[in-house]
Amino acid sequence: MKHVSMTAEEKIFNIAFEEAGTKYTGWVNPSEKLNKDGLPASFHVVLNDTSFGYVSHNNGEWTVDEDRPAGLTEKVGKAIERKYAV
């Protein structure tokens, strides 16, 4: 099988969820760099037309490089996990 490289636009995916009564929609752009599990090392996330930050999964928890509520960061992480569920 021939390996086909995907463009950045092809890797971007949409997410949507609700947290504390607020509906969030947005998109996720996975990094080119992969972690030891073969998944993207980080994800640039935009929610409700605002940059949420760069989200990554470290030591069993989701983190973000911006000051964001932990509950919201966890919801973003769970939305990303759904995309990569095997």
N, C-alpha and C. Protein backbone atom coordinates (compact mmCIF):
# COMPACT_ATOMS: atom_id res chain seq x y z
N MET A 1 0.85 -1.18 0.00
CA MET A 1 0.00 0.00 0.00
C MET A 1 0.89 1.24 0.00
N LYS A 2 0.57 2.17 -0.81
CA LYS A 2 1.35 3.40 -0.95
C LYS A 2 0.97 4.39 0.14
N HIS A 3 2.01 5.00 0.80
CA HIS A 3 1.76 6.00 1.84
C HIS A 3 1.38 7.32 1.18
N VAL A 4 0.29 7.90 1.61
CA VAL A 4 -0.17 9.17 1.05
C VAL A 4 -0.07 10.23 2.14
N SER A 5 0.67 11.29 1.85
CA SER A 5 0.81 12.39 2.81
C SER A 5 -0.43 13.27 2.76
N MET A 6 -0.92 13.66 3.92
CA MET A 6 -2.11 14.51 3.98
C MET A 6 -1.68 15.96 4.18
N THR A 7 -2.44 16.86 3.58
CA THR A 7 -2.18 18.28 3.79
C THR A 7 -2.74 18.69 5.14
N ALA A 8 -2.33 19.85 5.63
CA ALA A 8 -2.83 20.34 6.92
C ALA A 8 -4.35 20.44 6.92
N GLU A 9 -4.91 20.90 5.79
CA GLU A 9 -6.37 21.04 5.72
C GLU A 9 -7.08 19.70 5.85
N GLU A 10 -6.44 18.63 5.39
CA GLU A 10 -7.06 17.31 5.48
C GLU A 10 -6.99 16.74 6.89
N LYS A 11 -6.05 17.20 7.68
CA LYS A 11 -5.89 16.70 9.04
C LYS A 11 -6.81 17.41 10.04
N ILE A 12 -7.20 18.62 9.72
CA ILE A 12 -8.04 19.40 10.63
C ILE A 12 -9.41 18.72 10.77
N PHE A 13 -9.91 18.68 12.01
CA PHE A 13 -11.24 18.10 12.23
C PHE A 13 -12.04 18.98 13.19
N ASN A 14 -13.36 18.86 13.09
CA ASN A 14 -14.27 19.65 13.91
C ASN A 14 -14.57 18.95 15.23
N ILE A 15 -14.84 19.76 16.26
CA ILE A 15 -15.29 19.23 17.54
C ILE A 15 -16.48 20.06 18.00
N ALA A 16 -17.30 19.45 18.84
CA ALA A 16 -18.45 20.14 19.43
C ALA A 16 -18.82 19.43 20.72
N PHE A 17 -19.12 20.22 21.75
CA PHE A 17 -19.52 19.66 23.04
C PHE A 17 -20.14 20.77 23.87
N GLU A 18 -20.67 20.39 25.03
CA GLU A 18 -21.26 21.36 25.96
C GLU A 18 -20.53 21.25 27.30
N GLU A 19 -20.27 22.39 27.91
CA GLU A 19 -19.61 22.42 29.22
C GLU A 19 -20.23 23.55 30.03
N ALA A 20 -20.72 23.25 31.22
CA ALA A 20 -21.30 24.23 32.13
C ALA A 20 -22.38 25.08 31.45
N GLY A 21 -23.21 24.41 30.63
CA GLY A 21 -24.32 25.09 29.99
C GLY A 21 -23.97 25.90 28.74
N THR A 22 -22.73 25.88 28.33
CA THR A 22 -22.31 26.61 27.13
C THR A 22 -21.98 25.61 26.03
N LYS A 23 -22.50 25.87 24.81
CA LYS A 23 -22.18 25.01 23.67
C LYS A 23 -20.92 25.53 23.01
N TYR A 24 -20.00 24.61 22.75
CA TYR A 24 -18.74 24.94 22.09
C TYR A 24 -18.64 24.20 20.77
N THR A 25 -18.23 24.90 19.75
CA THR A 25 -17.91 24.29 18.46
C THR A 25 -16.58 24.85 18.02
N GLY A 26 -15.85 24.07 17.28
CA GLY A 26 -14.56 24.55 16.82
C GLY A 26 -13.85 23.52 15.99
N TRP A 27 -12.56 23.72 15.86
CA TRP A 27 -11.75 22.81 15.07
C TRP A 27 -10.41 22.57 15.73
N VAL A 28 -9.78 21.48 15.31
CA VAL A 28 -8.52 21.02 15.88
C VAL A 28 -7.54 20.78 14.73
N ASN A 29 -6.33 21.31 14.88
CA ASN A 29 -5.28 21.09 13.88
C ASN A 29 -4.14 20.31 14.56
N PRO A 30 -4.02 19.00 14.26
CA PRO A 30 -2.97 18.19 14.88
C PRO A 30 -1.57 18.61 14.39
N SER A 31 -0.59 18.50 15.27
CA SER A 31 0.79 18.82 14.89
C SER A 31 1.36 17.73 13.99
N GLU A 32 2.40 18.09 13.25
CA GLU A 32 3.12 17.12 12.42
C GLU A 32 3.94 16.17 13.30
N LYS A 33 4.45 16.70 14.42
CA LYS A 33 5.28 15.91 15.33
C LYS A 33 4.41 14.90 16.07
N LEU A 34 4.92 13.66 16.15
CA LEU A 34 4.16 12.59 16.82
C LEU A 34 4.80 12.24 18.15
N ASN A 35 3.97 11.76 19.10
CA ASN A 35 4.48 11.31 20.39
C ASN A 35 4.87 9.84 20.29
N LYS A 36 5.27 9.26 21.41
CA LYS A 36 5.74 7.86 21.42
C LYS A 36 4.64 6.86 21.04
N ASP A 37 3.37 7.28 21.16
CA ASP A 37 2.25 6.41 20.79
C ASP A 37 1.87 6.55 19.32
N GLY A 38 2.56 7.43 18.59
CA GLY A 38 2.26 7.62 17.19
C GLY A 38 1.13 8.61 16.92
N LEU A 39 0.68 9.28 17.97
CA LEU A 39 -0.36 10.29 17.83
C LEU A 39 0.27 11.68 17.79
N PRO A 40 -0.44 12.67 17.27
CA PRO A 40 0.12 14.03 17.27
C PRO A 40 0.54 14.46 18.67
N ALA A 41 1.69 15.13 18.77
CA ALA A 41 2.22 15.56 20.06
C ALA A 41 1.40 16.70 20.66
N SER A 42 0.80 17.52 19.81
CA SER A 42 -0.05 18.61 20.30
C SER A 42 -1.10 18.95 19.26
N PHE A 43 -2.07 19.74 19.69
CA PHE A 43 -3.19 20.10 18.84
C PHE A 43 -3.51 21.58 19.02
N HIS A 44 -3.55 22.35 17.93
CA HIS A 44 -3.99 23.74 18.02
C HIS A 44 -5.51 23.71 17.98
N VAL A 45 -6.15 24.27 19.01
CA VAL A 45 -7.60 24.21 19.14
C VAL A 45 -8.20 25.61 19.08
N VAL A 46 -9.27 25.73 18.28
CA VAL A 46 -10.05 26.97 18.22
C VAL A 46 -11.47 26.62 18.62
N LEU A 47 -12.01 27.33 19.62
CA LEU A 47 -13.38 27.12 20.08
C LEU A 47 -14.16 28.42 19.96
N ASN A 48 -15.37 28.31 19.43
CA ASN A 48 -16.25 29.47 19.28
C ASN A 48 -15.50 30.67 18.68
N ASP A 49 -14.75 30.39 17.61
CA ASP A 49 -14.00 31.40 16.85
C ASP A 49 -12.89 32.08 17.65
N THR A 50 -12.43 31.47 18.74
CA THR A 50 -11.36 32.02 19.56
C THR A 50 -10.30 30.94 19.79
N SER A 51 -9.03 31.33 19.67
CA SER A 51 -7.97 30.36 19.90
C SER A 51 -8.00 29.90 21.35
N PHE A 52 -8.10 28.59 21.55
CA PHE A 52 -8.09 28.01 22.89
C PHE A 52 -6.66 27.76 23.34
N GLY A 53 -5.78 27.46 22.38
CA GLY A 53 -4.38 27.20 22.69
C GLY A 53 -3.92 25.88 22.11
N TYR A 54 -2.71 25.50 22.50
CA TYR A 54 -2.12 24.23 22.08
C TYR A 54 -2.32 23.22 23.19
N VAL A 55 -3.05 22.16 22.88
CA VAL A 55 -3.44 21.14 23.84
C VAL A 55 -2.57 19.91 23.61
N SER A 56 -2.11 19.30 24.71
CA SER A 56 -1.34 18.06 24.60
C SER A 56 -1.71 17.13 25.74
N HIS A 57 -1.39 15.85 25.55
CA HIS A 57 -1.70 14.82 26.55
C HIS A 57 -0.38 14.39 27.19
N ASN A 58 -0.23 14.69 28.47
CA ASN A 58 1.00 14.39 29.19
C ASN A 58 0.71 13.70 30.51
N ASN A 59 1.41 12.61 30.76
CA ASN A 59 1.26 11.88 32.04
C ASN A 59 -0.19 11.61 32.40
N GLY A 60 -0.97 11.21 31.41
CA GLY A 60 -2.35 10.81 31.66
C GLY A 60 -3.36 11.94 31.78
N GLU A 61 -2.93 13.18 31.52
CA GLU A 61 -3.91 14.27 31.58
C GLU A 61 -3.71 15.25 30.43
N TRP A 62 -4.79 15.95 30.11
CA TRP A 62 -4.76 16.95 29.05
C TRP A 62 -4.34 18.29 29.63
N THR A 63 -3.42 18.96 28.93
CA THR A 63 -2.95 20.28 29.35
C THR A 63 -3.04 21.23 28.17
N VAL A 64 -3.03 22.52 28.48
CA VAL A 64 -3.08 23.56 27.44
C VAL A 64 -2.08 24.65 27.81
N ASP A 65 -1.52 25.30 26.79
CA ASP A 65 -0.49 26.31 27.04
C ASP A 65 -1.05 27.70 27.35
N GLU A 66 -2.34 27.80 27.52
CA GLU A 66 -3.01 29.05 27.91
C GLU A 66 -3.69 28.83 29.26
N ASP A 67 -4.07 29.91 29.91
CA ASP A 67 -4.79 29.81 31.19
C ASP A 67 -6.26 29.53 30.89
N ARG A 68 -6.64 28.26 30.97
CA ARG A 68 -8.01 27.84 30.68
C ARG A 68 -8.53 26.99 31.83
N PRO A 69 -9.87 26.97 32.02
CA PRO A 69 -10.45 26.14 33.08
C PRO A 69 -10.13 24.65 32.85
N ALA A 70 -9.78 23.96 33.92
CA ALA A 70 -9.41 22.54 33.83
C ALA A 70 -10.54 21.71 33.23
N GLY A 71 -11.77 21.98 33.63
CA GLY A 71 -12.91 21.22 33.11
C GLY A 71 -13.07 21.37 31.61
N LEU A 72 -12.86 22.57 31.13
CA LEU A 72 -12.97 22.83 29.69
C LEU A 72 -11.82 22.15 28.93
N THR A 73 -10.63 22.21 29.50
CA THR A 73 -9.48 21.54 28.88
C THR A 73 -9.74 20.04 28.79
N GLU A 74 -10.30 19.45 29.83
CA GLU A 74 -10.61 18.02 29.83
C GLU A 74 -11.63 17.69 28.75
N LYS A 75 -12.65 18.53 28.57
CA LYS A 75 -13.67 18.31 27.54
C LYS A 75 -13.06 18.35 26.15
N VAL A 76 -12.16 19.31 25.92
CA VAL A 76 -11.45 19.40 24.64
C VAL A 76 -10.66 18.11 24.42
N GLY A 77 -9.95 17.67 25.46
CA GLY A 77 -9.17 16.43 25.35
C GLY A 77 -10.04 15.23 25.02
N LYS A 78 -11.19 15.13 25.65
CA LYS A 78 -12.10 14.01 25.39
C LYS A 78 -12.61 14.06 23.95
N ALA A 79 -12.86 15.26 23.43
CA ALA A 79 -13.30 15.41 22.04
C ALA A 79 -12.19 14.94 21.09
N ILE A 80 -10.96 15.26 21.41
CA ILE A 80 -9.82 14.82 20.60
C ILE A 80 -9.70 13.29 20.68
N GLU A 81 -9.85 12.74 21.87
CA GLU A 81 -9.75 11.29 22.05
C GLU A 81 -10.79 10.56 21.20
N ARG A 82 -12.01 11.11 21.09
CA ARG A 82 -13.04 10.49 20.27
C ARG A 82 -12.59 10.38 18.81
N LYS A 83 -11.87 11.38 18.33
CA LYS A 83 -11.39 11.37 16.94
C LYS A 83 -10.39 10.24 16.74
N TYR A 84 -9.55 9.97 17.74
CA TYR A 84 -8.49 8.98 17.60
C TYR A 84 -8.82 7.63 18.23
N ALA A 85 -10.06 7.45 18.66
CA ALA A 85 -10.46 6.16 19.26
C ALA A 85 -10.29 5.04 18.23
N VAL A 86 -9.71 3.98 18.69
CA VAL A 86 -9.45 2.85 17.77
C VAL A 86 -10.40 1.72 18.06
